[in-house]
PDB file of N, CA and C in Angstrom:
ATOM      1  N   MET A   1     -76.161 -39.558 -38.082  1.00  0.00           N
ATOM      2  CA  MET A   1     -76.392 -38.669 -38.999  1.00  0.00           C
ATOM      3  C   MET A   1     -76.724 -37.733 -38.813  1.00  0.00           C
ATOM      4  N   ASN A   2     -76.059 -37.268 -37.653  1.00  0.00           N
ATOM      5  CA  ASN A   2     -75.922 -35.489 -37.180  1.00  0.00           C
ATOM      6  C   ASN A   2     -75.789 -34.033 -38.418  1.00  0.00           C
ATOM      7  N   PRO A   3     -76.414 -33.696 -38.490  1.00  0.00           N
ATOM      8  CA  PRO A   3     -76.393 -32.863 -40.211  1.00  0.00           C
ATOM      9  C   PRO A   3     -75.426 -31.748 -39.594  1.00  0.00           C
ATOM     10  N   ASP A   4     -75.383 -31.363 -37.853  1.00  0.00           N
ATOM     11  CA  ASP A   4     -74.553 -30.213 -37.906  1.00  0.00           C
ATOM     12  C   ASP A   4     -72.403 -30.591 -38.249  1.00  0.00           C
ATOM     13  N   VAL A   5     -72.421 -32.305 -38.465  1.00  0.00           N
ATOM     14  CA  VAL A   5     -71.416 -33.260 -38.674  1.00  0.00           C
ATOM     15  C   VAL A   5     -70.920 -33.072 -39.994  1.00  0.00           C
ATOM     16  N   TYR A   6     -71.802 -33.573 -40.137  1.00  0.00           N
ATOM     17  CA  TYR A   6     -71.975 -34.547 -41.226  1.00  0.00           C
ATOM     18  C   TYR A   6     -72.791 -34.386 -42.411  1.00  0.00           C
ATOM     19  N   MET A   7     -72.495 -34.675 -44.237  1.00  0.00           N
ATOM     20  CA  MET A   7     -73.091 -33.777 -45.053  1.00  0.00           C
ATOM     21  C   MET A   7     -72.650 -35.078 -45.832  1.00  0.00           C
ATOM     22  N   PRO A   8     -74.055 -35.839 -46.328  1.00  0.00           N
ATOM     23  CA  PRO A   8     -73.690 -36.735 -47.359  1.00  0.00           C
ATOM     24  C   PRO A   8     -73.465 -35.962 -48.933  1.00  0.00           C
ATOM     25  N   PHE A   9     -72.730 -36.541 -49.820  1.00  0.00           N
ATOM     26  CA  PHE A   9     -71.908 -35.860 -50.620  1.00  0.00           C
ATOM     27  C   PHE A   9     -71.671 -37.619 -51.811  1.00  0.00           C
ATOM     28  N   PHE A  10     -72.798 -37.070 -52.524  1.00  0.00           N
ATOM     29  CA  PHE A  10     -72.895 -38.146 -54.042  1.00  0.00           C
ATOM     30  C   PHE A  10     -71.755 -37.268 -54.508  1.00  0.00           C
ATOM     31  N   TRP A  11     -70.367 -38.164 -54.483  1.00  0.00           N
ATOM     32  CA  TRP A  11     -69.388 -37.725 -55.571  1.00  0.00           C
ATOM     33  C   TRP A  11     -69.679 -38.243 -57.114  1.00  0.00           C
ATOM     34  N   GLY A  12     -70.659 -39.226 -57.396  1.00  0.00           N
ATOM     35  CA  GLY A  12     -70.046 -40.010 -58.812  1.00  0.00           C
ATOM     36  C   GLY A  12     -71.595 -38.796 -59.601  1.00  0.00           C
ATOM     37  N   ASP A  13     -72.237 -38.503 -58.773  1.00  0.00           N
ATOM     38  CA  ASP A  13     -72.905 -37.545 -59.746  1.00  0.00           C
ATOM     39  C   ASP A  13     -72.943 -36.115 -59.730  1.00  0.00           C
ATOM     40  N   PHE A  14     -71.969 -35.906 -58.307  1.00  0.00           N
ATOM     41  CA  PHE A  14     -71.484 -34.451 -58.521  1.00  0.00           C
ATOM     42  C   PHE A  14     -70.640 -34.666 -59.633  1.00  0.00           C
ATOM     43  N   TRP A  15     -69.009 -35.741 -59.606  1.00  0.00           N
ATOM     44  CA  TRP A  15     -68.289 -34.662 -60.865  1.00  0.00           C
ATOM     45  C   TRP A  15     -68.886 -35.444 -62.330  1.00  0.00           C
ATOM     46  N   GLN A  16     -70.430 -36.004 -62.764  1.00  0.00           N
ATOM     47  CA  GLN A  16     -70.649 -36.254 -63.782  1.00  0.00           C
ATOM     48  C   GLN A  16     -71.787 -34.825 -63.749  1.00  0.00           C
ATOM     49  N   ALA A  17     -72.170 -34.353 -63.142  1.00  0.00           N
ATOM     50  CA  ALA A  17     -72.639 -32.836 -63.420  1.00  0.00           C
ATOM     51  C   ALA A  17     -71.965 -31.032 -63.915  1.00  0.00           C
ATOM     52  N   VAL A  18     -70.619 -31.537 -63.354  1.00  0.00           N
ATOM     53  CA  VAL A  18     -70.235 -30.102 -63.064  1.00  0.00           C
ATOM     54  C   VAL A  18     -68.943 -30.669 -63.874  1.00  0.00           C
ATOM     55  N   LYS A  19     -68.948 -32.127 -64.622  1.00  0.00           N
ATOM     56  CA  LYS A  19     -67.468 -32.339 -66.153  1.00  0.00           C
ATOM     57  C   LYS A  19     -67.311 -31.629 -66.875  1.00  0.00           C
ATOM     58  N   ALA A  20     -67.937 -31.104 -67.421  1.00  0.00           N
ATOM     59  CA  ALA A  20     -67.335 -29.505 -67.997  1.00  0.00           C
ATOM     60  C   ALA A  20     -67.241 -28.155 -67.689  1.00  0.00           C
ATOM     61  N   TRP A  21     -67.570 -28.087 -66.144  1.00  0.00           N
ATOM     62  CA  TRP A  21     -67.316 -26.870 -65.789  1.00  0.00           C
ATOM     63  C   TRP A  21     -65.519 -26.483 -66.064  1.00  0.00           C
ATOM     64  N   PRO A  22     -65.342 -25.344 -65.751  1.00  0.00           N
ATOM     65  CA  PRO A  22     -63.979 -24.669 -65.139  1.00  0.00           C
ATOM     66  C   PRO A  22     -63.628 -24.805 -63.911  1.00  0.00           C
ATOM     67  N   TYR A  23     -62.444 -24.906 -64.139  1.00  0.00           N
ATOM     68  CA  TYR A  23     -62.324 -25.713 -61.931  1.00  0.00           C
ATOM     69  C   TYR A  23     -62.546 -24.793 -60.975  1.00  0.00           C
ATOM     70  N   ALA A  24     -63.068 -23.810 -61.298  1.00  0.00           N
ATOM     71  CA  ALA A  24     -62.894 -22.522 -60.693  1.00  0.00           C
ATOM     72  C   ALA A  24     -64.486 -22.463 -59.936  1.00  0.00           C
ATOM     73  N   ALA A  25     -65.239 -22.629 -61.515  1.00  0.00           N
ATOM     74  CA  ALA A  25     -66.964 -22.636 -60.604  1.00  0.00           C
ATOM     75  C   ALA A  25     -66.838 -24.414 -59.911  1.00  0.00           C
ATOM     76  N   VAL A  26     -65.833 -25.849 -60.416  1.00  0.00           N
ATOM     77  CA  VAL A  26     -66.269 -26.839 -59.157  1.00  0.00           C
ATOM     78  C   VAL A  26     -66.234 -26.295 -57.952  1.00  0.00           C
ATOM     79  N   VAL A  27     -65.131 -25.945 -57.457  1.00  0.00           N
ATOM     80  CA  VAL A  27     -64.915 -25.378 -56.068  1.00  0.00           C
ATOM     81  C   VAL A  27     -65.655 -24.581 -55.800  1.00  0.00           C
ATOM     82  N   GLY A  28     -66.255 -22.992 -56.273  1.00  0.00           N
ATOM     83  CA  GLY A  28     -67.290 -22.899 -55.803  1.00  0.00           C
ATOM     84  C   GLY A  28     -68.836 -23.133 -55.627  1.00  0.00           C
ATOM     85  N   TYR A  29     -68.849 -24.500 -56.902  1.00  0.00           N
ATOM     86  CA  TYR A  29     -69.963 -24.892 -55.866  1.00  0.00           C
ATOM     87  C   TYR A  29     -69.949 -25.599 -54.753  1.00  0.00           C
ATOM     88  N   GLN A  30     -68.779 -26.335 -55.420  1.00  0.00           N
ATOM     89  CA  GLN A  30     -68.476 -27.268 -53.751  1.00  0.00           C
ATOM     90  C   GLN A  30     -68.631 -26.236 -52.390  1.00  0.00           C
ATOM     91  N   LYS A  31     -68.261 -25.068 -52.238  1.00  0.00           N
ATOM     92  CA  LYS A  31     -68.368 -24.001 -51.480  1.00  0.00           C
ATOM     93  C   LYS A  31     -69.460 -23.618 -51.090  1.00  0.00           C
ATOM     94  N   ALA A  32     -70.438 -23.528 -51.866  1.00  0.00           N
ATOM     95  CA  ALA A  32     -71.590 -22.640 -51.682  1.00  0.00           C
ATOM     96  C   ALA A  32     -72.368 -23.966 -50.941  1.00  0.00           C
ATOM     97  N   LEU A  33     -72.647 -25.395 -51.332  1.00  0.00           N
ATOM     98  CA  LEU A  33     -72.725 -26.493 -51.301  1.00  0.00           C
ATOM     99  C   LEU A  33     -72.129 -26.501 -49.256  1.00  0.00           C
ATOM    100  N   THR A  34     -71.836 -26.011 -49.190  1.00  0.00           N
ATOM    101  CA  THR A  34     -71.427 -26.987 -47.754  1.00  0.00           C
ATOM    102  C   THR A  34     -71.988 -25.875 -46.896  1.00  0.00           C
ATOM    103  N   TYR A  35     -71.108 -24.586 -47.763  1.00  0.00           N
ATOM    104  CA  TYR A  35     -71.921 -23.114 -46.834  1.00  0.00           C
ATOM    105  C   TYR A  35     -73.315 -23.419 -46.679  1.00  0.00           C
ATOM    106  N   TYR A  36     -74.239 -23.510 -47.943  1.00  0.00           N
ATOM    107  CA  TYR A  36     -75.660 -23.655 -47.549  1.00  0.00           C
ATOM    108  C   TYR A  36     -76.247 -24.707 -46.426  1.00  0.00           C
ATOM    109  N   TRP A  37     -75.071 -25.761 -46.383  1.00  0.00           N
ATOM    110  CA  TRP A  37     -75.482 -27.108 -45.434  1.00  0.00           C
ATOM    111  C   TRP A  37     -75.134 -26.847 -44.171  1.00  0.00           C
ATOM    112  N   PHE A  38     -73.679 -26.542 -43.624  1.00  0.00           N
ATOM    113  CA  PHE A  38     -73.541 -26.604 -42.626  1.00  0.00           C
ATOM    114  C   PHE A  38     -73.492 -24.817 -41.864  1.00  0.00           C
ATOM    115  N   HIS A  39     -73.293 -23.926 -42.842  1.00  0.00           N
ATOM    116  CA  HIS A  39     -73.502 -22.803 -42.307  1.00  0.00           C
ATOM    117  C   HIS A  39     -75.424 -21.786 -42.551  1.00  0.00           C
ATOM    118  N   MET A  40     -75.835 -22.352 -43.580  1.00  0.00           N
ATOM    119  CA  MET A  40     -77.468 -21.619 -43.604  1.00  0.00           C
ATOM    120  C   MET A  40     -78.560 -22.893 -43.323  1.00  0.00           C
ATOM    121  N   LYS A  41     -78.016 -24.204 -43.029  1.00  0.00           N
ATOM    122  CA  LYS A  41     -78.455 -25.085 -42.459  1.00  0.00           C
ATOM    123  C   LYS A  41     -79.471 -25.821 -43.286  1.00  0.00           C
ATOM    124  N   CYS A  42     -79.643 -25.560 -44.653  1.00  0.00           N
ATOM    125  CA  CYS A  42     -80.510 -25.612 -45.983  1.00  0.00           C
ATOM    126  C   CYS A  42     -81.929 -24.686 -45.864  1.00  0.00           C
ATOM    127  N   GLU A  43     -81.607 -23.358 -45.449  1.00  0.00           N
ATOM    128  CA  GLU A  43     -82.895 -22.389 -45.025  1.00  0.00           C
ATOM    129  C   GLU A  43     -82.547 -21.470 -46.449  1.00  0.00           C
ATOM    130  N   GLY A  44     -81.871 -21.177 -47.309  1.00  0.00           N
ATOM    131  CA  GLY A  44     -81.534 -20.397 -48.146  1.00  0.00           C
ATOM    132  C   GLY A  44     -80.299 -19.598 -48.493  1.00  0.00           C
ATOM    133  N   LEU A  45     -80.218 -20.067 -49.445  1.00  0.00           N
ATOM    134  CA  LEU A  45     -78.978 -18.262 -49.486  1.00  0.00           C
ATOM    135  C   LEU A  45     -79.206 -16.970 -49.943  1.00  0.00           C
ATOM    136  N   LYS A  46     -78.728 -15.386 -49.464  1.00  0.00           N
ATOM    137  CA  LYS A  46     -79.751 -14.786 -49.888  1.00  0.00           C
ATOM    138  C   LYS A  46     -79.130 -14.601 -51.519  1.00  0.00           C
ATOM    139  N   ASP A  47     -80.038 -13.509 -52.529  1.00  0.00           N
ATOM    140  CA  ASP A  47     -79.639 -12.844 -53.596  1.00  0.00           C
ATOM    141  C   ASP A  47     -79.349 -11.774 -53.576  1.00  0.00           C
ATOM    142  N   ASP A  48     -78.197 -11.977 -53.385  1.00  0.00           N
ATOM    143  CA  ASP A  48     -77.017 -10.968 -53.160  1.00  0.00           C
ATOM    144  C   ASP A  48     -75.696 -11.174 -53.985  1.00  0.00           C
ATOM    145  N   SER A  49     -75.205 -10.647 -55.561  1.00  0.00           N
ATOM    146  CA  SER A  49     -74.235 -11.424 -55.700  1.00  0.00           C
ATOM    147  C   SER A  49     -73.184 -11.411 -54.665  1.00  0.00           C
ATOM    148  N   GLU A  50     -72.736 -10.215 -54.478  1.00  0.00           N
ATOM    149  CA  GLU A  50     -71.774 -10.245 -53.441  1.00  0.00           C
ATOM    150  C   GLU A  50     -70.897 -10.765 -52.993  1.00  0.00           C
ATOM    151  N   SER A  51     -72.269 -11.652 -51.907  1.00  0.00           N
ATOM    152  CA  SER A  51     -72.380 -12.344 -51.227  1.00  0.00           C
ATOM    153  C   SER A  51     -72.080 -13.760 -51.262  1.00  0.00           C
ATOM    154  N   LEU A  52     -72.980 -14.181 -52.317  1.00  0.00           N
ATOM    155  CA  LEU A  52     -72.985 -14.902 -52.990  1.00  0.00           C
ATOM    156  C   LEU A  52     -71.036 -15.665 -53.218  1.00  0.00           C
ATOM    157  N   ARG A  53     -70.741 -14.141 -54.041  1.00  0.00           N
ATOM    158  CA  ARG A  53     -68.719 -14.471 -54.582  1.00  0.00           C
ATOM    159  C   ARG A  53     -68.304 -14.753 -53.834  1.00  0.00           C
ATOM    160  N   LYS A  54     -68.801 -14.129 -52.066  1.00  0.00           N
ATOM    161  CA  LYS A  54     -67.641 -14.384 -51.428  1.00  0.00           C
ATOM    162  C   LYS A  54     -67.702 -15.673 -51.055  1.00  0.00           C
ATOM    163  N   ILE A  55     -69.194 -16.485 -50.693  1.00  0.00           N
ATOM    164  CA  ILE A  55     -69.287 -17.221 -49.970  1.00  0.00           C
ATOM    165  C   ILE A  55     -68.512 -18.791 -51.045  1.00  0.00           C
ATOM    166  N   CYS A  56     -68.501 -18.428 -52.450  1.00  0.00           N
ATOM    167  CA  CYS A  56     -67.893 -19.485 -53.576  1.00  0.00           C
ATOM    168  C   CYS A  56     -66.495 -19.115 -53.008  1.00  0.00           C
ATOM    169  N   GLU A  57     -66.147 -18.117 -52.287  1.00  0.00           N
ATOM    170  CA  GLU A  57     -64.796 -17.973 -52.459  1.00  0.00           C
ATOM    171  C   GLU A  57     -64.105 -17.695 -54.114  1.00  0.00           C
ATOM    172  N   LEU A  58     -64.650 -17.003 -54.731  1.00  0.00           N
ATOM    173  CA  LEU A  58     -64.934 -16.435 -56.167  1.00  0.00           C
ATOM    174  C   LEU A  58     -63.785 -15.292 -56.822  1.00  0.00           C
ATOM    175  N   ASP A  59     -62.923 -15.178 -57.274  1.00  0.00           N
ATOM    176  CA  ASP A  59     -62.603 -13.669 -57.319  1.00  0.00           C
ATOM    177  C   ASP A  59     -63.379 -12.821 -59.042  1.00  0.00           C
ATOM    178  N   LYS A  60     -63.400 -12.183 -58.659  1.00  0.00           N
ATOM    179  CA  LYS A  60     -64.485 -10.836 -59.308  1.00  0.00           C
ATOM    180  C   LYS A  60     -64.711 -11.260 -60.483  1.00  0.00           C
ATOM    181  N   ASP A  61     -62.871 -11.672 -61.320  1.00  0.00           N
ATOM    182  CA  ASP A  61     -62.871 -11.984 -62.862  1.00  0.00           C
ATOM    183  C   ASP A  61     -63.713 -13.358 -63.277  1.00  0.00           C
ATOM    184  N   GLU A  62     -63.686 -14.290 -62.392  1.00  0.00           N
ATOM    185  CA  GLU A  62     -63.559 -15.257 -62.243  1.00  0.00           C
ATOM    186  C   GLU A  62     -65.327 -15.709 -62.190  1.00  0.00           C
ATOM    187  N   TRP A  63     -66.136 -14.822 -61.571  1.00  0.00           N
ATOM    188  CA  TRP A  63     -67.750 -14.812 -60.958  1.00  0.00           C
ATOM    189  C   TRP A  63     -68.424 -14.852 -62.021  1.00  0.00           C
ATOM    190  N   ALA A  64     -68.627 -13.936 -62.766  1.00  0.00           N
ATOM    191  CA  ALA A  64     -69.997 -13.719 -63.893  1.00  0.00           C
ATOM    192  C   ALA A  64     -69.825 -15.419 -64.616  1.00  0.00           C
ATOM    193  N   GLU A  65     -69.416 -16.004 -65.087  1.00  0.00           N
ATOM    194  CA  GLU A  65     -69.072 -17.449 -65.954  1.00  0.00           C
ATOM    195  C   GLU A  65     -70.040 -18.301 -64.358  1.00  0.00           C
ATOM    196  N   CYS A  66     -69.331 -18.362 -63.437  1.00  0.00           N
ATOM    197  CA  CYS A  66     -68.920 -19.144 -62.668  1.00  0.00           C
ATOM    198  C   CYS A  66     -70.869 -18.901 -61.932  1.00  0.00           C
ATOM    199  N   CYS A  67     -70.991 -17.905 -61.785  1.00  0.00           N
ATOM    200  CA  CYS A  67     -72.519 -17.602 -61.260  1.00  0.00           C
ATOM    201  C   CYS A  67     -73.252 -17.930 -61.984  1.00  0.00           C
ATOM    202  N   GLU A  68     -73.525 -17.716 -63.370  1.00  0.00           N
ATOM    203  CA  GLU A  68     -73.876 -18.503 -64.387  1.00  0.00           C
ATOM    204  C   GLU A  68     -74.650 -20.131 -64.009  1.00  0.00           C
ATOM    205  N   LEU A  69     -73.408 -20.845 -63.642  1.00  0.00           N
ATOM    206  CA  LEU A  69     -73.348 -22.346 -63.527  1.00  0.00           C
ATOM    207  C   LEU A  69     -73.580 -22.594 -62.760  1.00  0.00           C
ATOM    208  N   ILE A  70     -73.229 -21.801 -61.470  1.00  0.00           N
ATOM    209  CA  ILE A  70     -73.767 -22.173 -60.025  1.00  0.00           C
ATOM    210  C   ILE A  70     -75.284 -21.723 -59.687  1.00  0.00           C
ATOM    211  N   PHE A  71     -75.538 -21.034 -59.902  1.00  0.00           N
ATOM    212  CA  PHE A  71     -77.093 -20.218 -59.724  1.00  0.00           C
ATOM    213  C   PHE A  71     -77.845 -20.270 -60.920  1.00  0.00           C
ATOM    214  N   ASP A  72     -78.309 -21.569 -61.523  1.00  0.00           N
ATOM    215  CA  ASP A  72     -78.038 -21.229 -62.908  1.00  0.00           C
ATOM    216  C   ASP A  72     -79.813 -20.902 -62.707  1.00  0.00           C
ATOM    217  N   ASN A  73     -80.646 -21.794 -61.393  1.00  0.00           N
ATOM    218  CA  ASN A  73     -82.224 -21.434 -61.690  1.00  0.00           C
ATOM    219  C   ASN A  73     -82.346 -22.364 -61.870  1.00  0.00           C
ATOM    220  N   ASP A  74     -82.085 -23.548 -62.228  1.00  0.00           N
ATOM    221  CA  ASP A  74     -82.957 -24.683 -63.145  1.00  0.00           C
ATOM    222  C   ASP A  74     -82.716 -25.897 -62.146  1.00  0.00           C
ATOM    223  N   LYS A  75     -80.569 -26.212 -62.377  1.00  0.00           N
ATOM    224  CA  LYS A  75     -80.236 -27.629 -61.859  1.00  0.00           C
ATOM    225  C   LYS A  75     -79.375 -27.610 -60.749  1.00  0.00           C
ATOM    226  N   PHE A  76     -78.888 -26.465 -60.281  1.00  0.00           N
ATOM    227  CA  PHE A  76     -77.905 -26.793 -59.339  1.00  0.00           C
ATOM    228  C   PHE A  76     -78.685 -25.847 -58.385  1.00  0.00           C
ATOM    229  N   PHE A  77     -78.678 -24.707 -58.035  1.00  0.00           N
ATOM    230  CA  PHE A  77     -79.328 -23.370 -56.885  1.00  0.00           C
ATOM    231  C   PHE A  77     -80.417 -23.439 -57.748  1.00  0.00           C
ATOM    232  N   LYS A  78     -81.592 -23.095 -57.047  1.00  0.00           N
ATOM    233  CA  LYS A  78     -82.592 -22.316 -57.878  1.00  0.00           C
ATOM    234  C   LYS A  78     -83.509 -21.351 -56.833  1.00  0.00           C
ATOM    235  N   GLN A  79     -84.202 -20.274 -57.265  1.00  0.00           N
ATOM    236  CA  GLN A  79     -84.748 -19.503 -56.645  1.00  0.00           C
ATOM    237  C   GLN A  79     -86.141 -20.455 -56.287  1.00  0.00           C
ATOM    238  N   ASP A  80     -86.614 -19.928 -54.930  1.00  0.00           N
ATOM    239  CA  ASP A  80     -87.459 -19.714 -54.689  1.00  0.00           C
ATOM    240  C   ASP A  80     -88.360 -18.774 -55.052  1.00  0.00           C
ATOM    241  N   SER A  81     -89.479 -19.235 -54.219  1.00  0.00           N
ATOM    242  CA  SER A  81     -90.826 -17.990 -54.487  1.00  0.00           C
ATOM    243  C   SER A  81     -90.471 -16.800 -53.234  1.00  0.00           C
ATOM    244  N   SER A  82     -89.784 -16.639 -52.530  1.00  0.00           N
ATOM    245  CA  SER A  82     -89.312 -15.204 -51.930  1.00  0.00           C
ATOM    246  C   SER A  82     -87.944 -14.936 -52.153  1.00  0.00           C
ATOM    247  N   GLY A  83     -87.384 -15.712 -53.240  1.00  0.00           N
ATOM    248  CA  GLY A  83     -86.129 -15.098 -53.650  1.00  0.00           C
ATOM    249  C   GLY A  83     -84.898 -15.678 -53.707  1.00  0.00           C
ATOM    250  N   LEU A  84     -84.820 -16.701 -52.307  1.00  0.00           N
ATOM    251  CA  LEU A  84     -83.656 -17.395 -51.656  1.00  0.00           C
ATOM    252  C   LEU A  84     -82.957 -18.528 -52.288  1.00  0.00           C
ATOM    253  N   TRP A  85     -81.708 -18.530 -52.661  1.00  0.00           N
ATOM    254  CA  TRP A  85     -81.796 -19.388 -53.337  1.00  0.00           C
ATOM    255  C   TRP A  85     -81.407 -21.172 -52.487  1.00  0.00           C
ATOM    256  N   ARG A  86     -81.988 -21.954 -53.159  1.00  0.00           N
ATOM    257  CA  ARG A  86     -81.861 -23.431 -52.759  1.00  0.00           C
ATOM    258  C   ARG A  86     -81.182 -24.173 -53.678  1.00  0.00           C
ATOM    259  N   GLN A  87     -81.026 -25.358 -53.485  1.00  0.00           N
ATOM    260  CA  GLN A  87     -80.410 -26.292 -53.545  1.00  0.00           C
ATOM    261  C   GLN A  87     -81.354 -28.131 -52.863  1.00  0.00           C
ATOM    262  N   LYS A  88     -82.206 -28.167 -54.566  1.00  0.00           N
ATOM    263  CA  LYS A  88     -83.224 -29.446 -53.952  1.00  0.00           C
ATOM    264  C   LYS A  88     -82.229 -30.341 -53.467  1.00  0.00           C
ATOM    265  N   ARG A  89     -81.362 -31.460 -53.793  1.00  0.00           N
ATOM    266  CA  ARG A  89     -81.318 -32.169 -53.664  1.00  0.00           C
ATOM    267  C   ARG A  89     -80.413 -32.352 -51.394  1.00  0.00           C
ATOM    268  N   ALA A  90     -79.854 -31.354 -51.855  1.00  0.00           N
ATOM    269  CA  ALA A  90     -79.783 -30.812 -50.019  1.00  0.00           C
ATOM    270  C   ALA A  90     -80.011 -30.775 -49.444  1.00  0.00           C
ATOM    271  N   ASP A  91     -81.772 -30.354 -49.813  1.00  0.00           N
ATOM    272  CA  ASP A  91     -82.959 -29.616 -49.304  1.00  0.00           C
ATOM    273  C   ASP A  91     -83.203 -31.226 -48.736  1.00  0.00           C
ATOM    274  N   LYS A  92     -83.060 -31.960 -49.529  1.00  0.00           N
ATOM    275  CA  LYS A  92     -84.363 -33.928 -48.992  1.00  0.00           C
ATOM    276  C   LYS A  92     -82.858 -33.988 -48.250  1.00  0.00           C
ATOM    277  N   GLU A  93     -81.939 -34.249 -48.676  1.00  0.00           N
ATOM    278  CA  GLU A  93     -80.878 -34.838 -47.692  1.00  0.00           C
ATOM    279  C   GLU A  93     -80.761 -34.542 -46.301  1.00  0.00           C
ATOM    280  N   TYR A  94     -80.847 -33.093 -46.403  1.00  0.00           N
ATOM    281  CA  TYR A  94     -81.126 -32.333 -45.031  1.00  0.00           C
ATOM    282  C   TYR A  94     -82.094 -32.428 -43.630  1.00  0.00           C
ATOM    283  N   ALA A  95     -83.539 -32.332 -44.532  1.00  0.00           N
ATOM    284  CA  ALA A  95     -84.454 -33.400 -44.017  1.00  0.00           C
ATOM    285  C   ALA A  95     -84.747 -34.437 -43.440  1.00  0.00           C
ATOM    286  N   PHE A  96     -84.102 -35.241 -44.962  1.00  0.00           N
ATOM    287  CA  PHE A  96     -83.452 -36.825 -44.099  1.00  0.00           C
ATOM    288  C   PHE A  96     -82.797 -36.834 -42.608  1.00  0.00           C
ATOM    289  N   CYS A  97     -81.613 -36.271 -42.634  1.00  0.00           N
ATOM    290  CA  CYS A  97     -80.234 -36.323 -42.117  1.00  0.00           C
ATOM    291  C   CYS A  97     -81.257 -35.886 -40.695  1.00  0.00           C
ATOM    292  N   ILE A  98     -81.998 -34.560 -40.480  1.00  0.00           N
ATOM    293  CA  ILE A  98     -82.977 -34.317 -39.394  1.00  0.00           C
ATOM    294  C   ILE A  98     -83.785 -35.281 -38.692  1.00  0.00           C
ATOM    295  N   THR A  99     -84.409 -36.035 -39.857  1.00  0.00           N
ATOM    296  CA  THR A  99     -85.712 -36.987 -39.015  1.00  0.00           C
ATOM    297  C   THR A  99     -84.891 -38.067 -38.393  1.00  0.00           C
ATOM    298  N   ARG A 100     -83.794 -38.798 -39.402  1.00  0.00           N
ATOM    299  CA  ARG A 100     -83.144 -39.663 -38.934  1.00  0.00           C
ATOM    300  C   ARG A 100     -82.328 -39.671 -37.913  1.00  0.00           C
ATOM    301  N   THR A 101     -81.842 -37.990 -37.230  1.00  0.00           N
ATOM    302  CA  THR A 101     -81.482 -37.988 -35.893  1.00  0.00           C
ATOM    303  C   THR A 101     -82.011 -38.136 -34.914  1.00  0.00           C
ATOM    304  N   LYS A 102     -83.582 -37.553 -35.341  1.00  0.00           N
ATOM    305  CA  LYS A 102     -84.300 -37.282 -34.234  1.00  0.00           C
ATOM    306  C   LYS A 102     -84.903 -39.010 -33.878  1.00  0.00           C
ATOM    307  N   HIS A 103     -84.868 -39.597 -34.728  1.00  0.00           N
ATOM    308  CA  HIS A 103     -85.360 -41.355 -34.878  1.00  0.00           C
ATOM    309  C   HIS A 103     -84.703 -41.847 -33.888  1.00  0.00           C
ATOM    310  N   LEU A 104     -82.963 -41.516 -34.194  1.00  0.00           N
ATOM    311  CA  LEU A 104     -82.430 -42.033 -33.516  1.00  0.00           C
ATOM    312  C   LEU A 104     -81.875 -41.585 -31.963  1.00  0.00           C
ATOM    313  N   ARG A 105     -82.346 -40.550 -32.189  1.00  0.00           N
ATOM    314  CA  ARG A 105     -82.176 -39.541 -30.682  1.00  0.00           C
ATOM    315  C   ARG A 105     -83.279 -40.474 -29.393  1.00  0.00           C
ATOM    316  N   ALA A 106     -84.671 -40.674 -29.898  1.00  0.00           N
ATOM    317  CA  ALA A 106     -85.422 -40.992 -29.385  1.00  0.00           C
ATOM    318  C   ALA A 106     -85.587 -42.341 -29.444  1.00  0.00           C
ATOM    319  N   ALA A 107     -84.963 -43.083 -29.941  1.00  0.00           N
ATOM    320  CA  ALA A 107     -84.409 -44.996 -29.679  1.00  0.00           C
ATOM    321  C   ALA A 107     -83.407 -45.238 -28.878  1.00  0.00           C
ATOM    322  N   SER A 108     -82.517 -44.626 -28.980  1.00  0.00           N
ATOM    323  CA  SER A 108     -81.674 -44.391 -27.698  1.00  0.00           C
ATOM    324  C   SER A 108     -82.158 -43.947 -26.083  1.00  0.00           C
ATOM    325  N   LEU A 109     -83.276 -43.035 -26.347  1.00  0.00           N
ATOM    326  CA  LEU A 109     -83.525 -42.964 -25.316  1.00  0.00           C
ATOM    327  C   LEU A 109     -84.205 -43.642 -24.934  1.00  0.00           C
ATOM    328  N   ALA A 110     -85.046 -44.003 -25.499  1.00  0.00           N
ATOM    329  CA  ALA A 110     -85.979 -45.476 -24.867  1.00  0.00           C
ATOM    330  C   ALA A 110     -84.984 -46.669 -24.823  1.00  0.00           C
ATOM    331  N   GLY A 111     -83.773 -47.199 -25.684  1.00  0.00           N
ATOM    332  CA  GLY A 111     -83.500 -47.942 -25.319  1.00  0.00           C
ATOM    333  C   GLY A 111     -82.453 -47.383 -23.009  1.00  0.00           C
ATOM    334  N   ASN A 112     -81.821 -46.551 -22.927  1.00  0.00           N
ATOM    335  CA  ASN A 112     -81.574 -46.491 -21.788  1.00  0.00           C
ATOM    336  C   ASN A 112     -82.403 -46.486 -20.750  1.00  0.00           C
ATOM    337  N   LYS A 113     -83.618 -45.685 -21.403  1.00  0.00           N
ATOM    338  CA  LYS A 113     -85.189 -45.960 -20.631  1.00  0.00           C
ATOM    339  C   LYS A 113     -85.742 -47.571 -20.311  1.00  0.00           C
ATOM    340  N   ALA A 114     -85.398 -48.390 -20.952  1.00  0.00           N
ATOM    341  CA  ALA A 114     -85.678 -49.475 -21.190  1.00  0.00           C
ATOM    342  C   ALA A 114     -84.702 -50.407 -19.763  1.00  0.00           C
ATOM    343  N   ARG A 115     -83.373 -49.561 -20.197  1.00  0.00           N
ATOM    344  CA  ARG A 115     -82.352 -50.543 -19.226  1.00  0.00           C
ATOM    345  C   ARG A 115     -82.418 -49.898 -17.763  1.00  0.00           C
ATOM    346  N   TRP A 116     -82.130 -48.460 -17.613  1.00  0.00           N
ATOM    347  CA  TRP A 116     -82.536 -48.002 -16.816  1.00  0.00           C
ATOM    348  C   TRP A 116     -83.300 -47.558 -15.801  1.00  0.00           C
ATOM    349  N   GLY A 117     -84.518 -47.402 -16.533  1.00  0.00           N
ATOM    350  CA  GLY A 117     -85.475 -46.788 -15.949  1.00  0.00           C
ATOM    351  C   GLY A 117     -84.986 -45.985 -15.747  1.00  0.00           C
ATOM    352  N   SER A 118     -86.491 -44.861 -15.528  1.00  0.00           N
ATOM    353  CA  SER A 118     -86.387 -42.923 -15.346  1.00  0.00           C
ATOM    354  C   SER A 118     -85.984 -42.663 -14.545  1.00  0.00           C
ATOM    355  N   LYS A 119     -85.628 -42.191 -13.997  1.00  0.00           N
ATOM    356  CA  LYS A 119     -85.211 -40.918 -12.650  1.00  0.00           C
ATOM    357  C   LYS A 119     -85.924 -39.808 -12.753  1.00  0.00           C
TER     358      LYS A 119
END
């Protein structure tokens, strides 16, 4: 479960949450989530409307409506006390992946050491 190559995605929850959204907002939200995970490592997105629009890859005429849905400051992306946009579930899953990766790496090293000895 290396977070650099794998992002868990809960499709049922996702589709339920965006069911009434316009197509552009759904795709923009997916792009924001993947950028947040893979490029920002869930460290937060800067509060810069033009930068966020480019991350979501949305046209300027779509942006106002989609921005209000994606960066709603409640259910989807929410600003933290430093002004960065965060996604609560992605933060939780990323932390779990980091912990799990460290655990699996330590177990692998211990198994190798037990089998082959240390050099």
